[in-house]
Amino acid sequence: MKSMTGFGRGEAADGGTTFRVEVSSVNRKQADIAVNLPRDLSDLELPLRKQVAKEVSRGRVTVRVHADSADAGGGKRLVVDEALVAQYKEALGKLGMEQLGAADLMRAPGVFSIEDTPPDPEGALPVITRALESALAAFEMMRSTEGKTLEEDMKARLAMVRALGDEVRAIAPKVVARYRETLLRRLGEAGLEIDLSDERVLKEVAVFAERCDITEELTRLESHLEQFASYMASSDPVGREMDFLSQELNREVNTIGSKANNAEIAKRVVMAKAEIEKVREQVQNIE
C-alpha cells in the first residue's frame, strides 16, 4: 500500500551536460502526469510520461527536468555572421580602404556571437531516462514509507471499530428483553394487568424484535473489516476500493444506530462513526 504523496530526485550525466529530474505528487482521484522539460527537449514528454505512468495509477504527478552544463563553455557555440563580414568588406572597398584584418573583425560589432547549443533530444533521452529511474526509485520509497504509516494508523482505528462492533453484538440480544420488561411495566403503571403470554404483548414484542434486529448489519460490518484488512495487505493500488469500502462501513454503522433503538448501542455507534470518518480521510491519501 502506497501513499499518493511523495518526492524523488535523480540525475545522470553525459559529456558536458548533467540532467536533474525531480518527481513530486499530491492527491488526486485519477492519474494526472505533467512533465516540464527545457524547450528544446519538449519532444521527449511522451516517452517520459509513459515511464512515470508505469509506476503511478492515482495522483497529480509533476516531473521537472533540468539541464546543467559542467563548465562555462559547455553547451555553447561561436557563431560568425558571414553576411555581415561581407558587408563590412564591401563598405570598406567603396571607401577605398584596405581589407579587414583579424583584429578588425574581432572589434567589429555583430560579427561574432555566442549561442547556446540546444541539446539533441535523441541523445538526451537515454540519459534523462536514467535520471528519471533514480528519481522514481526515491519517489516510490517515500510513498511506500508513508503508506506504511497510514496503514498502521488505519489498522488501529479499524481495530477500534471491530471492538465496538463486538460490544454491540453482545448488547443486542438484551435490547428485546429490556423492551419487553419496559412494556409490561408501563402497562402495569397504566393499570392494565396484561399477562406476559397475552397475544397482543407477544405480537408487539415480536414486531419490535424484527424492527431492531441488526444481525445482518453486524455480519456485513465484520465482512467489510476483513476485506479492508486484505486490501491493506495488498501490494496493488487499492485506494479506490478502500474509499468505497469505507463508505460501506459508515453505511452499516448508521443502519445499526437507526435500528437498534438503544442508548448503549447508540453511544458505540457514535464512537465507531468517528473512527471510520478518520479512516476515510486517510484513504484519500492512498494510491
Protein backbone atom coordinates (compact mmCIF):
# COMPACT_ATOMS: atom_id res chain seq x y z
CA MET A 1 0.00 0.00 0.00
CA LYS A 2 1.40 3.35 -1.05
CA SER A 3 0.61 6.97 -0.35
CA MET A 4 -0.24 9.26 -3.24
CA THR A 5 2.19 11.90 -1.99
CA GLY A 6 5.93 11.61 -2.46
CA PHE A 7 9.11 13.19 -3.79
CA GLY A 8 12.23 11.86 -5.50
CA ARG A 9 15.30 13.30 -7.21
CA GLY A 10 17.79 11.73 -9.61
CA GLU A 11 20.50 12.81 -12.00
CA ALA A 12 22.64 11.44 -14.81
CA ALA A 13 25.42 12.98 -16.89
CA ASP A 14 26.52 12.63 -20.49
CA GLY A 15 29.52 14.57 -21.74
CA GLY A 16 29.32 18.14 -20.50
CA THR A 17 25.64 18.10 -19.52
CA THR A 18 24.05 16.82 -16.33
CA PHE A 19 20.32 16.19 -16.29
CA ARG A 20 18.50 16.51 -12.96
CA VAL A 21 14.99 15.10 -12.62
CA GLU A 22 12.57 15.78 -9.76
CA VAL A 23 9.32 13.85 -9.29
CA SER A 24 6.64 15.01 -6.84
CA SER A 25 2.99 14.13 -6.35
CA VAL A 26 -0.13 15.20 -4.47
CA ASN A 27 -3.56 13.64 -4.01
CA ARG A 28 -5.96 13.29 -6.92
CA LYS A 29 -8.66 10.70 -7.68
CA GLN A 30 -7.28 9.98 -11.16
CA ALA A 31 -3.76 9.81 -12.56
CA ASP A 32 -2.60 13.20 -13.87
CA ILE A 33 1.03 13.41 -15.04
CA ALA A 34 2.70 16.70 -16.01
CA VAL A 35 6.23 16.74 -17.47
CA ASN A 36 8.16 20.03 -17.51
CA LEU A 37 11.12 19.97 -19.92
CA PRO A 38 13.56 22.50 -21.37
CA ARG A 39 12.03 23.93 -24.54
CA ASP A 40 14.48 22.16 -26.85
CA LEU A 41 13.58 18.78 -25.30
CA SER A 42 9.80 19.11 -25.42
CA ASP A 43 9.56 16.18 -27.86
CA LEU A 44 10.56 13.83 -25.01
CA GLU A 45 7.42 14.47 -22.99
CA LEU A 46 5.50 11.42 -24.23
CA PRO A 47 8.14 8.73 -23.52
CA LEU A 48 8.85 10.21 -20.08
CA ARG A 49 5.14 10.36 -19.30
CA LYS A 50 4.81 6.69 -20.23
CA GLN A 51 7.71 5.81 -17.94
CA VAL A 52 6.01 7.53 -14.99
CA ALA A 53 2.61 6.01 -15.81
CA LYS A 54 4.04 2.53 -15.23
CA GLU A 55 4.58 3.44 -11.57
CA VAL A 56 1.56 5.62 -10.80
CA SER A 57 -2.17 4.88 -11.02
CA ARG A 58 -3.56 7.81 -8.98
CA GLY A 59 -2.41 11.29 -8.02
CA ARG A 60 -1.20 14.50 -9.59
CA VAL A 61 2.44 13.83 -10.53
CA THR A 62 4.81 16.56 -11.66
CA VAL A 63 8.13 15.75 -13.35
CA ARG A 64 10.69 18.54 -13.73
CA VAL A 65 13.79 18.09 -15.91
CA HIS A 66 16.76 20.47 -15.61
CA ALA A 67 19.87 20.51 -17.83
CA ASP A 68 23.13 21.89 -16.36
CA SER A 69 26.42 22.41 -18.23
CA ALA A 70 29.52 21.08 -16.49
CA ASP A 71 31.62 24.14 -17.37
CA ALA A 72 31.17 27.71 -18.55
CA GLY A 73 31.78 26.76 -22.19
CA GLY A 74 29.64 23.67 -22.21
CA GLY A 75 26.57 23.84 -24.38
CA LYS A 76 27.84 26.99 -26.19
CA ARG A 77 28.98 27.63 -29.74
CA LEU A 78 30.68 30.53 -31.52
CA VAL A 79 28.66 31.93 -34.42
CA VAL A 80 30.18 34.11 -37.18
CA ASP A 81 27.87 36.34 -39.18
CA GLU A 82 29.50 35.86 -42.57
CA ALA A 83 26.96 38.04 -44.35
CA LEU A 84 27.80 40.94 -42.03
CA VAL A 85 31.53 40.42 -42.66
CA ALA A 86 30.86 40.65 -46.41
CA GLN A 87 29.01 43.91 -45.88
CA TYR A 88 31.93 45.34 -43.88
CA LYS A 89 34.33 44.40 -46.69
CA GLU A 90 32.08 45.89 -49.36
CA ALA A 91 31.70 49.13 -47.42
CA LEU A 92 35.46 49.43 -46.92
CA GLY A 93 36.03 48.71 -50.61
CA LYS A 94 33.74 51.54 -51.59
CA LEU A 95 35.70 53.82 -49.32
CA GLY A 96 38.97 52.69 -50.89
CA MET A 97 40.25 51.37 -47.59
CA GLU A 98 42.40 48.29 -47.00
CA GLN A 99 40.74 45.00 -46.32
CA LEU A 100 39.67 43.87 -42.89
CA GLY A 101 42.19 42.08 -40.72
CA ALA A 102 41.53 39.62 -37.89
CA ALA A 103 41.87 42.32 -35.24
CA ASP A 104 39.35 44.48 -37.08
CA LEU A 105 36.86 41.63 -37.29
CA MET A 106 37.19 40.96 -33.55
CA ARG A 107 36.30 44.60 -32.84
CA ALA A 108 33.51 44.85 -35.39
CA PRO A 109 30.13 44.74 -33.66
CA GLY A 110 27.85 41.88 -34.53
CA VAL A 111 30.39 39.72 -36.36
CA PHE A 112 30.91 37.20 -33.53
CA SER A 113 28.30 35.94 -31.08
CA ILE A 114 27.94 33.03 -28.67
CA GLU A 115 24.79 30.95 -28.70
CA ASP A 116 23.55 28.11 -26.57
CA THR A 117 23.88 24.76 -28.24
CA PRO A 118 20.49 23.06 -28.00
CA PRO A 119 20.70 19.52 -26.64
CA ASP A 120 19.92 16.69 -29.01
CA PRO A 121 16.62 15.09 -27.88
CA GLU A 122 17.52 11.68 -29.27
CA GLY A 123 20.86 11.64 -27.46
CA ALA A 124 19.45 13.14 -24.28
CA LEU A 125 16.58 10.65 -23.85
CA PRO A 126 18.65 7.70 -22.52
CA VAL A 127 20.40 9.99 -20.03
CA ILE A 128 17.17 11.61 -18.82
CA THR A 129 15.60 8.15 -18.58
CA ARG A 130 18.36 7.03 -16.21
CA ALA A 131 17.90 10.15 -14.09
CA LEU A 132 14.14 9.59 -14.04
CA GLU A 133 14.63 5.97 -12.94
CA SER A 134 16.67 7.15 -9.95
CA ALA A 135 14.09 9.81 -9.12
CA LEU A 136 11.25 7.30 -9.35
CA ALA A 137 13.08 4.85 -7.07
CA ALA A 138 13.37 7.52 -4.35
CA PHE A 139 9.81 8.64 -5.06
CA GLU A 140 8.44 5.11 -4.64
CA MET A 141 10.41 4.55 -1.45
CA MET A 142 8.93 7.68 0.10
CA ARG A 143 5.42 6.71 -0.97
CA SER A 144 5.84 3.22 0.48
CA THR A 145 7.16 4.58 3.78
CA GLU A 146 4.26 6.99 4.12
CA GLY A 147 1.85 4.26 3.06
CA LYS A 148 3.12 2.08 5.89
CA THR A 149 2.46 4.88 8.38
CA LEU A 150 -1.07 5.33 7.04
CA GLU A 151 -1.63 1.58 7.22
CA GLU A 152 -0.65 1.41 10.90
CA ASP A 153 -2.97 4.30 11.73
CA MET A 154 -5.92 2.75 9.88
CA LYS A 155 -5.31 -0.66 11.43
CA ALA A 156 -5.59 0.85 14.90
CA ARG A 157 -8.79 2.69 14.03
CA LEU A 158 -10.41 -0.31 12.35
CA ALA A 159 -9.47 -2.46 15.34
CA MET A 160 -11.42 0.00 17.46
CA VAL A 161 -14.41 -0.28 15.10
CA ARG A 162 -14.23 -4.08 15.36
CA ALA A 163 -14.11 -3.92 19.16
CA LEU A 164 -17.10 -1.58 19.24
CA GLY A 165 -18.95 -3.93 16.88
CA ASP A 166 -18.27 -6.83 19.26
CA GLU A 167 -19.66 -4.79 22.14
CA VAL A 168 -22.78 -4.00 20.12
CA ARG A 169 -23.15 -7.70 19.27
CA ALA A 170 -23.07 -8.52 22.98
CA ILE A 171 -25.61 -5.84 23.86
CA ALA A 172 -28.08 -6.54 21.02
CA PRO A 173 -29.76 -9.68 22.50
CA LYS A 174 -30.62 -7.75 25.67
CA VAL A 175 -32.47 -4.99 23.80
CA VAL A 176 -35.64 -7.01 23.17
CA ALA A 177 -35.73 -8.32 26.76
CA ARG A 178 -35.45 -4.79 28.08
CA TYR A 179 -38.18 -3.59 25.77
CA ARG A 180 -40.49 -6.36 26.95
CA GLU A 181 -39.83 -5.51 30.59
CA THR A 182 -40.39 -1.80 29.90
CA LEU A 183 -43.62 -2.52 28.00
CA LEU A 184 -45.07 -4.61 30.84
CA ARG A 185 -44.03 -2.06 33.45
CA ARG A 186 -45.71 0.76 31.58
CA LEU A 187 -48.87 -1.30 31.10
CA GLY A 188 -48.88 -2.02 34.83
CA GLU A 189 -48.37 1.63 35.66
CA ALA A 190 -51.32 2.43 33.43
CA GLY A 191 -53.46 -0.01 35.42
CA LEU A 192 -53.63 -2.57 32.61
CA GLU A 193 -52.93 -6.00 34.01
CA ILE A 194 -51.90 -7.98 30.93
CA ASP A 195 -50.28 -11.36 31.17
CA LEU A 196 -46.87 -11.89 29.53
CA SER A 197 -48.35 -14.62 27.38
CA ASP A 198 -51.02 -12.32 26.03
CA GLU A 199 -51.06 -12.49 22.25
CA ARG A 200 -51.05 -8.72 21.91
CA VAL A 201 -47.92 -8.42 24.04
CA LEU A 202 -46.20 -11.22 22.17
CA LYS A 203 -47.04 -9.60 18.82
CA GLU A 204 -45.77 -6.18 19.93
CA VAL A 205 -42.54 -7.68 21.22
CA ALA A 206 -42.09 -9.71 18.02
CA VAL A 207 -42.58 -6.64 15.84
CA PHE A 208 -40.07 -4.68 17.91
CA ALA A 209 -37.57 -7.55 17.79
CA GLU A 210 -37.81 -7.72 14.00
CA ARG A 211 -37.52 -3.96 13.63
CA CYS A 212 -34.39 -3.67 15.75
CA ASP A 213 -32.64 -6.83 14.55
CA ILE A 214 -29.10 -5.83 13.49
CA THR A 215 -27.66 -9.28 12.86
CA GLU A 216 -27.24 -8.73 9.12
CA GLU A 217 -25.63 -5.34 9.61
CA LEU A 218 -23.15 -6.72 12.13
CA THR A 219 -22.30 -9.57 9.76
CA ARG A 220 -21.70 -7.18 6.86
CA LEU A 221 -19.67 -4.91 9.12
CA GLU A 222 -17.40 -7.81 10.01
CA SER A 223 -17.11 -8.79 6.35
CA HIS A 224 -16.15 -5.24 5.35
CA LEU A 225 -13.48 -5.14 8.07
CA GLU A 226 -12.00 -8.41 6.80
CA GLN A 227 -11.98 -7.07 3.24
CA PHE A 228 -10.30 -3.87 4.43
CA ALA A 229 -7.56 -5.92 6.06
CA SER A 230 -6.93 -7.81 2.82
CA TYR A 231 -6.68 -4.55 0.86
CA MET A 232 -4.13 -3.16 3.31
CA ALA A 233 -2.03 -6.30 2.87
CA SER A 234 -2.09 -5.96 -0.94
CA SER A 235 0.78 -4.52 -2.96
CA ASP A 236 -1.61 -3.35 -5.70
CA PRO A 237 -3.18 0.13 -5.87
CA VAL A 238 -6.27 -0.20 -3.64
CA GLY A 239 -7.22 3.41 -2.87
CA ARG A 240 -10.45 3.39 -4.89
CA GLU A 241 -11.59 0.09 -3.37
CA MET A 242 -10.80 1.28 0.14
CA ASP A 243 -12.65 4.54 -0.46
CA PHE A 244 -15.77 2.61 -1.47
CA LEU A 245 -15.41 0.18 1.42
CA SER A 246 -15.06 2.95 3.99
CA GLN A 247 -18.36 4.37 2.75
CA GLU A 248 -19.96 0.94 3.17
CA LEU A 249 -18.60 0.69 6.72
CA ASN A 250 -20.18 4.01 7.53
CA ARG A 251 -23.46 2.91 5.97
CA GLU A 252 -23.65 -0.27 8.07
CA VAL A 253 -22.85 1.57 11.29
CA ASN A 254 -25.52 4.20 10.52
CA THR A 255 -28.09 1.46 9.94
CA ILE A 256 -27.16 -0.23 13.21
CA GLY A 257 -27.65 3.05 15.04
CA SER A 258 -31.06 3.72 13.47
CA LYS A 259 -32.39 0.18 14.00
CA ALA A 260 -31.01 -0.70 17.42
CA ASN A 261 -33.12 1.77 19.41
CA ASN A 262 -30.79 1.51 22.40
CA ALA A 263 -28.75 4.20 24.17
CA GLU A 264 -25.76 1.94 24.85
CA ILE A 265 -25.57 0.86 21.22
CA ALA A 266 -26.06 4.46 20.04
CA LYS A 267 -23.07 5.55 22.10
CA ARG A 268 -20.85 2.93 20.46
CA VAL A 269 -22.21 3.82 17.04
CA VAL A 270 -21.12 7.44 17.52
CA MET A 271 -17.63 6.28 18.54
CA ALA A 272 -17.39 3.90 15.57
CA LYS A 273 -18.51 6.61 13.11
CA ALA A 274 -15.79 8.93 14.40
CA GLU A 275 -13.13 6.29 13.76
CA ILE A 276 -14.50 5.42 10.32
CA GLU A 277 -14.51 9.09 9.33
CA LYS A 278 -10.83 9.33 10.23
CA VAL A 279 -10.17 6.21 8.18
CA ARG A 280 -11.99 7.76 5.21
CA GLU A 281 -9.77 10.85 5.49
CA GLN A 282 -6.65 8.69 5.46
CA VAL A 283 -7.92 6.67 2.49
CA GLN A 284 -7.92 9.86 0.41
CA ASN A 285 -4.10 9.69 0.62
CA ILE A 286 -3.83 6.09 -0.62
CA GLU A 287 -2.98 5.25 -4.21
